[in-house]
Protein backbone atom coordinates (compact mmCIF):
# COMPACT_ATOMS: atom_id res chain seq x y z
CA UNK A 1 95.14 69.85 22.90
CA UNK A 2 92.03 67.66 22.68
CA UNK A 3 90.06 67.06 25.87
CA UNK A 4 87.71 64.10 25.57
CA UNK A 5 85.19 62.77 28.07
CA UNK A 6 83.17 59.58 27.67
CA UNK A 7 80.25 58.25 29.71
CA UNK A 8 80.49 54.84 31.31
CA UNK A 9 77.94 52.90 33.33
CA UNK A 10 79.60 53.89 36.62
CA UNK A 11 80.79 57.41 35.74
CA UNK A 12 82.99 58.82 33.02
CA UNK A 13 86.57 58.78 31.83
CA UNK A 14 88.69 61.75 30.81
CA UNK A 15 91.28 61.67 28.03
CA UNK A 16 93.78 64.51 27.76
CA UNK A 17 97.17 63.01 26.97
CA UNK A 18 96.20 60.28 24.47
CA UNK A 19 95.05 57.88 27.12
CA UNK A 20 92.65 57.32 30.02
CA UNK A 21 94.09 60.12 32.11
CA UNK A 22 91.37 60.49 34.70
CA UNK A 23 88.05 59.08 35.83
CA UNK A 24 85.10 59.61 38.11
CA UNK A 25 83.39 56.46 39.43
CA UNK A 26 80.31 55.99 41.59
CA UNK A 27 79.27 52.88 43.52
CA UNK A 28 76.32 50.68 42.63
CA UNK A 29 73.95 52.10 40.04
CA UNK A 30 74.13 55.72 41.21
CA UNK A 31 75.44 57.08 37.92
CA UNK A 32 73.50 54.66 35.76
CA UNK A 33 70.24 55.91 37.32
CA UNK A 34 71.20 59.59 36.93
CA UNK A 35 69.12 61.00 34.03
CA UNK A 36 70.94 61.53 30.73
CA UNK A 37 70.52 65.34 30.50
CA UNK A 38 71.96 65.62 34.00
CA UNK A 39 74.86 63.35 33.04
CA UNK A 40 75.60 65.52 30.01
CA UNK A 41 75.46 68.68 32.11
CA UNK A 42 77.77 67.17 34.72
CA UNK A 43 80.38 66.15 32.16
CA UNK A 44 80.23 69.43 30.19
CA UNK A 45 80.82 71.57 33.27
CA UNK A 46 82.99 69.34 35.45
CA UNK A 47 85.50 68.58 32.69
CA UNK A 48 85.98 72.28 31.95
CA UNK A 49 86.19 73.15 35.66
CA UNK A 50 88.99 70.58 36.12
CA UNK A 51 90.98 71.31 32.95
CA UNK A 52 90.29 74.93 32.02
CA UNK A 53 93.63 76.10 33.46
CA UNK A 54 95.78 73.61 31.52
CA UNK A 55 96.81 76.18 28.85
CA UNK A 56 98.93 77.80 31.56
CA UNK A 57 101.23 74.75 31.64
CA UNK A 58 100.74 73.26 28.16
CA UNK A 59 101.17 76.46 26.14
CA UNK A 60 98.28 75.23 23.99
CA UNK A 61 94.59 75.91 23.60
CA UNK A 62 91.98 73.31 24.48
CA UNK A 63 89.41 71.66 22.22
CA UNK A 64 86.62 69.79 24.04
CA UNK A 65 84.34 67.09 22.69
CA UNK A 66 81.59 68.45 24.95
CA UNK A 67 79.03 71.25 24.85
CA UNK A 68 79.93 74.77 25.86
CA UNK A 69 79.39 74.63 29.66
CA UNK A 70 76.44 76.51 31.05
CA UNK A 71 78.73 77.53 33.95
CA UNK A 72 81.63 78.64 31.72
CA UNK A 73 81.46 82.32 32.71
CA UNK A 74 81.22 81.35 36.36
CA UNK A 75 84.19 78.98 36.03
CA UNK A 76 86.23 81.63 34.20
CA UNK A 77 85.39 84.10 36.97
CA UNK A 78 86.66 81.63 39.56
CA UNK A 79 89.88 81.15 37.58
CA UNK A 80 90.45 84.89 37.21
CA UNK A 81 89.89 85.55 40.93
CA UNK A 82 92.47 82.87 41.84
CA UNK A 83 95.26 83.86 39.45
CA UNK A 84 96.68 86.36 41.93
CA UNK A 85 97.16 83.56 44.47
CA UNK A 86 98.73 81.27 41.87
CA UNK A 87 101.08 84.04 40.73
CA UNK A 88 102.05 84.77 44.33
CA UNK A 89 102.87 81.11 45.00
CA UNK A 90 104.92 80.77 41.82
CA UNK A 91 106.45 84.27 41.99
CA UNK A 92 104.95 85.01 38.60
CA UNK A 93 102.56 87.64 37.27
CA UNK A 94 98.78 87.41 37.53
CA UNK A 95 98.44 89.63 34.47
CA UNK A 96 100.66 87.34 32.41
CA UNK A 97 98.68 84.26 33.45
CA UNK A 98 95.43 85.98 32.56
CA UNK A 99 96.80 87.01 29.16
CA UNK A 100 97.82 83.42 28.35
CA UNK A 101 94.28 82.17 28.96
CA UNK A 102 92.75 84.95 26.88
CA UNK A 103 95.07 84.19 23.95
CA UNK A 104 94.04 80.54 24.01
CA UNK A 105 90.24 80.41 24.31
CA UNK A 106 88.61 77.01 24.72
CA UNK A 107 86.63 75.45 21.85
CA UNK A 108 83.66 73.12 22.25
CA UNK A 109 82.40 70.73 19.57
CA UNK A 110 78.78 70.48 20.77
CA UNK A 111 76.16 73.20 21.12
CA UNK A 112 74.19 74.54 22.86
CA UNK A 113 74.83 74.53 26.60
CA UNK A 114 72.42 72.62 28.84
CA UNK A 115 70.75 75.33 30.90
CA UNK A 116 68.09 73.29 32.71
CA UNK A 117 68.03 69.97 34.53
CA UNK A 118 64.43 68.92 33.88
CA UNK A 119 64.61 65.51 35.51
CA UNK A 120 66.17 66.59 38.80
CA UNK A 121 63.56 65.00 41.01
CA UNK A 122 61.80 66.75 43.82
CA UNK A 123 64.00 66.82 46.89
CA UNK A 124 63.22 66.91 50.58
CA UNK A 125 64.87 68.76 53.45
CA UNK A 126 67.61 66.14 53.41
CA UNK A 127 71.34 66.81 53.35
CA UNK A 128 74.40 65.22 51.80
CA UNK A 129 77.44 65.82 54.00
CA UNK A 130 80.88 65.82 52.39
CA UNK A 131 82.98 64.26 55.15
CA UNK A 132 86.75 64.80 55.00
CA UNK A 133 87.36 64.07 58.71
CA UNK A 134 88.78 67.56 59.17
CA UNK A 135 87.48 69.65 62.06
CA UNK A 136 84.92 71.51 59.95
CA UNK A 137 83.29 68.39 58.51
CA UNK A 138 83.30 66.59 61.86
CA UNK A 139 81.67 69.61 63.51
CA UNK A 140 79.15 69.71 60.66
CA UNK A 141 78.40 66.05 61.32
CA UNK A 142 77.84 66.70 65.03
CA UNK A 143 75.63 69.72 64.36
CA UNK A 144 73.56 67.94 61.71
CA UNK A 145 72.89 65.09 64.13
CA UNK A 146 71.98 67.41 66.99
CA UNK A 147 69.47 69.51 65.05
CA UNK A 148 67.83 66.37 63.67
CA UNK A 149 68.76 66.91 60.03
CA UNK A 150 68.21 63.84 57.87
CA UNK A 151 71.44 63.41 55.92
CA UNK A 152 73.65 60.98 54.05
CA UNK A 153 77.46 60.97 54.19
CA UNK A 154 79.83 60.85 51.24
CA UNK A 155 83.55 61.15 50.60
CA UNK A 156 86.18 60.70 47.90
CA UNK A 157 87.61 57.23 48.39
CA UNK A 158 90.26 56.97 45.67
CA UNK A 159 93.56 55.46 46.81
CA UNK A 160 95.61 57.35 44.22
CA UNK A 161 94.90 60.67 45.96
CA UNK A 162 96.84 59.70 49.10
CA UNK A 163 100.21 58.46 50.25
CA UNK A 164 100.26 54.79 51.22
CA UNK A 165 100.46 55.73 54.89
CA UNK A 166 97.61 58.25 54.79
CA UNK A 167 95.50 55.82 52.76
CA UNK A 168 95.89 53.12 55.40
CA UNK A 169 95.00 55.60 58.12
CA UNK A 170 92.02 56.88 56.16
CA UNK A 171 90.65 53.38 55.56
CA UNK A 172 91.02 52.58 59.25
CA UNK A 173 89.14 55.75 60.23
CA UNK A 174 86.38 55.03 57.70
CA UNK A 175 85.88 51.57 59.14
CA UNK A 176 85.87 52.79 62.74
CA UNK A 177 83.48 55.65 61.91
CA UNK A 178 80.94 53.40 60.19
CA UNK A 179 81.07 50.82 62.98
CA UNK A 180 80.73 53.27 65.86
CA UNK A 181 78.48 55.91 64.32
CA UNK A 182 76.26 53.38 62.52
CA UNK A 183 76.38 55.68 59.52
CA UNK A 184 77.15 54.37 56.05
CA UNK A 185 79.54 56.34 53.86
CA UNK A 186 78.88 56.58 50.12
CA UNK A 187 82.41 56.46 48.76
CA UNK A 188 83.10 57.53 45.18
CA UNK A 189 86.41 57.62 43.29
CA UNK A 190 87.78 60.76 41.67
CA UNK A 191 91.27 61.09 40.23
CA UNK A 192 90.55 63.87 37.71
CA UNK A 193 93.23 66.07 39.31
CA UNK A 194 95.91 63.72 38.00
CA UNK A 195 95.89 65.52 34.64
CA UNK A 196 97.73 68.38 36.35
CA UNK A 197 100.62 66.09 37.34
CA UNK A 198 101.46 64.33 34.07
CA UNK A 199 105.26 64.70 34.02
CA UNK A 200 105.56 63.50 30.44
CA UNK A 201 103.47 66.33 29.01
CA UNK A 202 103.73 69.00 31.73
CA UNK A 203 107.39 69.94 32.04
CA UNK A 204 106.91 72.94 34.30
CA UNK A 205 103.90 72.36 36.55
CA UNK A 206 102.30 75.24 38.43
CA UNK A 207 101.30 74.36 41.96
CA UNK A 208 97.70 74.81 43.12
CA UNK A 209 96.17 74.92 39.62
CA UNK A 210 94.23 71.77 40.43
CA UNK A 211 92.51 73.54 43.34
CA UNK A 212 91.00 76.40 41.32
CA UNK A 213 87.20 76.00 41.28
CA UNK A 214 87.75 72.91 43.40
CA UNK A 215 84.57 73.29 45.44
CA UNK A 216 82.51 73.79 42.31
CA UNK A 217 83.97 70.59 40.87
CA UNK A 218 83.23 68.81 44.15
CA UNK A 219 79.63 70.07 44.15
CA UNK A 220 79.13 68.94 40.55
CA UNK A 221 80.47 65.45 41.14
CA UNK A 222 78.21 65.08 44.19
CA UNK A 223 75.09 65.81 42.15
CA UNK A 224 74.45 62.15 41.19
CA UNK A 225 74.78 61.15 44.85
CA UNK A 226 72.46 63.97 45.93
CA UNK A 227 69.98 62.82 43.30
CA UNK A 228 70.29 59.22 44.51
CA UNK A 229 69.75 60.27 48.14
CA UNK A 230 66.94 62.73 47.36
CA UNK A 231 69.00 65.44 49.07
CA UNK A 232 68.35 69.14 48.57
CA UNK A 233 71.39 70.34 50.52
CA UNK A 234 75.05 69.57 49.81
CA UNK A 235 76.86 70.36 53.06
CA UNK A 236 80.41 71.74 52.86
CA UNK A 237 82.62 72.92 55.73
CA UNK A 238 83.26 76.48 54.55
CA UNK A 239 84.16 78.38 57.71
CA UNK A 240 84.51 82.09 58.54
CA UNK A 241 88.31 82.11 58.05
CA UNK A 242 87.96 81.45 54.32
CA UNK A 243 86.52 84.93 53.69
CA UNK A 244 89.79 86.66 54.60
CA UNK A 245 92.36 87.70 52.03
CA UNK A 246 95.90 89.03 51.78
CA UNK A 247 97.81 91.20 49.32
CA UNK A 248 100.33 89.55 47.03
CA UNK A 249 103.70 91.05 46.18
CA UNK A 250 101.93 92.51 43.12
CA UNK A 251 99.42 94.15 45.49
CA UNK A 252 96.68 91.85 44.20
CA UNK A 253 93.95 90.72 46.60
CA UNK A 254 94.30 86.94 47.13
CA UNK A 255 92.07 84.47 48.94
CA UNK A 256 93.50 81.21 50.32
CA UNK A 257 90.70 79.39 48.47
CA UNK A 258 88.37 81.75 46.63
CA UNK A 259 86.00 78.91 45.75
CA UNK A 260 85.26 78.42 49.46
CA UNK A 261 84.34 82.03 50.18
CA UNK A 262 80.82 83.12 51.05
CA UNK A 263 80.61 85.28 47.91
CA UNK A 264 81.56 82.40 45.58
CA UNK A 265 79.09 79.98 47.16
CA UNK A 266 76.29 82.55 47.11
CA UNK A 267 76.78 83.14 43.40
CA UNK A 268 77.00 79.40 42.73
CA UNK A 269 73.74 78.83 44.59
CA UNK A 270 71.95 81.29 42.32
CA UNK A 271 73.12 79.23 39.34
CA UNK A 272 72.11 75.93 40.93
CA UNK A 273 68.68 77.31 41.80
CA UNK A 274 68.19 78.38 38.20
CA UNK A 275 69.29 74.96 36.93
CA UNK A 276 67.24 72.79 39.29
CA UNK A 277 64.25 74.97 40.10
CA UNK A 278 65.52 75.50 43.65
CA UNK A 279 65.97 71.78 44.30
CA UNK A 280 69.70 71.84 45.03
CA UNK A 281 71.71 74.15 47.28
CA UNK A 282 75.22 74.34 48.76
CA UNK A 283 75.16 75.13 52.47
CA UNK A 284 77.60 75.38 55.36
CA UNK A 285 76.65 74.68 58.96
CA UNK A 286 79.91 76.27 60.19
CA UNK A 287 80.02 79.43 58.08
CA UNK A 288 79.30 81.59 61.13
CA UNK A 289 82.40 80.70 63.18
CA UNK A 290 86.21 80.71 63.08
CA UNK A 291 88.68 77.82 63.35
CA UNK A 292 89.35 78.34 67.03
CA UNK A 293 85.64 78.32 67.84
CA UNK A 294 85.16 75.11 65.84
CA UNK A 295 87.79 73.30 67.89
CA UNK A 296 86.27 74.60 71.11
CA UNK A 297 82.81 73.32 70.20
CA UNK A 298 84.17 69.93 69.12
CA UNK A 299 85.98 69.44 72.43
CA UNK A 300 83.13 70.63 74.61
CA UNK A 301 80.11 69.24 72.75
CA UNK A 302 81.16 66.47 70.34
CA UNK A 303 84.32 65.09 71.93
CA UNK A 304 83.67 61.56 70.73
CA UNK A 305 84.14 62.67 67.11
CA UNK A 306 87.75 63.72 67.74
CA UNK A 307 89.01 60.16 67.43
CA UNK A 308 88.26 60.39 63.70
CA UNK A 309 90.08 63.70 63.15
CA UNK A 310 92.58 63.61 60.30
CA UNK A 311 93.62 66.78 58.49
CA UNK A 312 97.00 66.14 56.92
CA UNK A 313 98.84 63.49 54.91
CA UNK A 314 101.20 61.52 57.18
CA UNK A 315 104.44 60.30 55.63
CA UNK A 316 105.49 56.67 55.55
CA UNK A 317 107.59 57.07 58.71
CA UNK A 318 104.79 58.78 60.71
CA UNK A 319 103.63 56.84 63.73
CA UNK A 320 100.04 58.13 63.71
CA UNK A 321 97.53 59.84 61.47
CA UNK A 322 99.29 63.23 61.65
CA UNK A 323 102.68 64.11 60.16
CA UNK A 324 103.41 66.45 63.13
CA UNK A 325 105.53 68.62 60.86
CA UNK A 326 103.16 70.96 58.99
CA UNK A 327 101.15 74.12 59.77
CA UNK A 328 97.91 72.11 59.78
CA UNK A 329 99.17 69.83 62.55
CA UNK A 330 100.59 72.80 64.46
CA UNK A 331 97.28 74.67 64.38
CA UNK A 332 95.29 71.62 65.47
CA UNK A 333 97.63 71.21 68.43
CA UNK A 334 97.64 74.92 69.32
CA UNK A 335 93.87 75.34 69.17
CA UNK A 336 93.27 72.21 71.24
CA UNK A 337 95.69 73.51 73.87
CA UNK A 338 94.03 76.93 73.77
CA UNK A 339 90.49 75.69 74.46
CA UNK A 340 91.49 73.31 77.24
CA UNK A 341 91.35 70.17 75.15
CA UNK A 342 93.79 67.30 75.12
CA UNK A 343 95.48 67.11 71.68
CA UNK A 344 95.90 63.37 72.23
CA UNK A 345 92.14 63.03 71.76
CA UNK A 346 92.82 63.88 68.10
CA UNK A 347 95.84 61.61 67.93
CA UNK A 348 98.46 64.36 68.34
CA UNK A 349 100.85 63.05 71.00
CA UNK A 350 103.70 65.53 70.51
CA UNK A 351 104.14 68.89 72.26
CA UNK A 352 104.34 71.17 69.22
CA UNK A 353 105.59 74.16 71.21
CA UNK A 354 109.21 73.12 70.71
CA UNK A 355 111.90 75.25 69.08
CA UNK A 356 111.91 73.07 65.96
CA UNK A 357 108.22 73.87 65.41
CA UNK A 358 108.72 77.64 65.16
CA UNK A 359 108.45 77.85 61.37
CA UNK A 360 105.09 76.07 61.41
CA UNK A 361 103.36 79.08 62.98
CA UNK A 362 102.90 82.28 60.94
CA UNK A 363 102.93 84.33 64.13
CA UNK A 364 106.63 83.52 64.50
CA UNK A 365 107.77 82.98 60.92
CA UNK A 366 107.68 84.91 57.66
CA UNK A 367 108.84 81.81 55.77
CA UNK A 368 105.43 80.18 55.64
CA UNK A 369 104.29 80.12 52.03
CA UNK A 370 100.92 78.42 52.41
CA UNK A 371 98.04 80.73 51.42
CA UNK A 372 95.90 79.74 54.41
CA UNK A 373 98.50 81.17 56.79
CA UNK A 374 98.95 84.49 54.97
CA UNK A 375 95.89 86.60 55.92
CA UNK A 376 96.43 88.95 58.85
CA UNK A 377 93.62 87.19 60.70
CA UNK A 378 95.63 83.95 60.77
CA UNK A 379 98.27 85.59 62.94
CA UNK A 380 95.65 87.33 65.10
CA UNK A 381 93.87 84.05 65.78
CA UNK A 382 97.18 82.51 66.83
CA UNK A 383 97.88 85.52 69.04
CA UNK A 384 94.75 84.77 71.04
CA UNK A 385 95.34 81.00 70.98
CA UNK A 386 98.87 81.31 72.39
CA UNK A 387 97.60 83.57 75.16
CA UNK A 388 94.93 81.04 76.12
CA UNK A 389 97.38 78.11 75.94
CA UNK A 390 99.86 80.01 78.13
CA UNK A 391 97.13 80.70 80.68
CA UNK A 392 96.21 77.01 80.75
CA UNK A 393 99.71 76.10 81.81
CA UNK A 394 101.23 74.91 78.55
CA UNK A 395 104.98 75.35 78.37
CA UNK A 396 107.72 75.06 75.77
CA UNK A 397 110.16 77.16 73.79
CA UNK A 398 107.42 78.78 71.74
CA UNK A 399 105.43 79.72 74.81
CA UNK A 400 108.53 81.50 76.09
CA UNK A 401 108.97 83.20 72.72
CA UNK A 402 105.33 84.27 72.79
CA UNK A 403 105.75 85.76 76.26
CA UNK A 404 108.78 87.68 75.09
CA UNK A 405 107.41 89.01 71.82
CA UNK A 406 103.63 89.09 72.02
CA UNK A 407 102.26 88.72 75.54
CA UNK A 408 101.82 92.48 76.07
CA UNK A 409 100.03 92.91 72.76
CA UNK A 410 97.81 89.89 73.40
CA UNK A 411 96.77 91.19 76.82
CA UNK A 412 96.08 94.64 75.41
CA UNK A 413 93.94 93.25 72.58
CA UNK A 414 92.38 90.31 74.42
CA UNK A 415 88.81 91.61 74.51
CA UNK A 416 88.89 92.55 70.83
CA UNK A 417 90.36 89.18 69.82
CA UNK A 418 87.88 87.19 71.92
CA UNK A 419 84.93 89.03 70.41
CA UNK A 420 86.27 88.42 66.92
CA UNK A 421 87.35 84.79 67.05
CA UNK A 422 84.68 83.52 69.43
CA UNK A 423 82.02 85.63 67.75
CA UNK A 424 79.02 84.19 65.91
CA UNK A 425 78.45 85.84 62.54
CA UNK A 426 75.39 85.97 60.34
CA UNK A 427 75.53 83.04 57.91
CA UNK A 428 74.74 83.68 54.25
CA UNK A 429 74.67 80.15 52.85
CA UNK A 430 72.55 78.54 55.54
CA UNK A 431 68.75 78.20 55.17
CA UNK A 432 66.74 80.16 57.71
CA UNK A 433 65.09 77.02 59.06
CA UNK A 434 68.53 75.81 60.20
CA UNK A 435 69.87 79.12 61.45
CA UNK A 436 67.94 79.22 64.72
CA UNK A 437 69.08 75.87 66.18
CA UNK A 438 72.65 76.15 64.80
CA UNK A 439 73.24 79.69 66.08
CA UNK A 440 71.75 78.74 69.45
CA UNK A 441 74.34 75.96 69.83
CA UNK A 442 77.15 78.34 68.86
CA UNK A 443 75.96 80.95 71.34
CA UNK A 444 75.68 78.41 74.15
CA UNK A 445 79.28 77.29 73.59
CA UNK A 446 80.97 80.61 72.82
CA UNK A 447 79.13 83.34 74.72
CA UNK A 448 81.14 82.80 77.90
CA UNK A 449 84.40 83.22 75.97
CA UNK A 450 83.63 86.65 74.51
């Protein structure tokens, strides 16, 4: 299968299935002003990062019209580390998936790989914040403002990536955010993932393939914007929870999103430093804390940002910006209740402690298949959150079920759970000049809860 990528003035197009199957577009002259060696590097590596897993569903090898990517070994490592999760989701075999990829090695028409980005201009201590409007990116926004970090804001703004309802909600939030915060958003368009959902050519799709090496792909496609903004730091919302794993039915260690782990980002940063002479770095302002702590800090310190919160994809019949019927909505509601916040501040106006919501919480259900809910720590964090919500007077069928099944355990382990989930951990992917003010804020907000 031929994979072709072609430069355009505003980005590039991707051809996989005999047509313009995907594209990446930037506003204004951002891509046009990106130096040519950097453009070539971006295309070589991003195209492989987005399509390198296609042999698993096409039963064919891939032939690229690009150079062999400088990051190929790193990308292959990311794929290999995620195959256990993919196999667990699809009830397949990680070994079989790995064998398929090894039997069908990728071929590249151009050589050699670009191993330096000579024109990447000198950067300042400026950041580029990837804003998704989830809790981690909103908290990152609040923190960046408070510590006085000079930063620009960017986000994927392609309509095809959302349902009609969620797209309307997202546009409304964008508009409100820019008006109230007086902060422009650099919106680019990326629909490269669509190659994984071509029903004509892919008869048996494998879920989650498009997410492998997703953060690497995101970092690569933000490089022209970072260059345009003169930003040294690309800010992602990789939180403490993402470092936890679970064992698959094959007894393989699986991460909910390996590309968002501390180890992955640390290794990627070494590569980026080598490429740019230390002028580009991926950082996380929230790496030191857990989900529950993030919600607590948002409610107590940056409450005004909650009106922009949006972390799921509401269906056409949803009244607000949350579907109110998924684990993501359930956790947002639970953690808000646990820290003494009003879920309505985030737009959640339903009590999600009802009997019908039981299967949305991994603490009560073994039916949850989402990888983010599978690590043991996910249930432990909910154990503490339900105890705190119960103490704050919340009621409902699930509160009664919690009292019956878990209250004794929660009380017995309360000190341990508080220290763990309201703890502040040493960040790895955060420059030392930011660590002092960020960790001070965390300690001010969380010390009383431990």
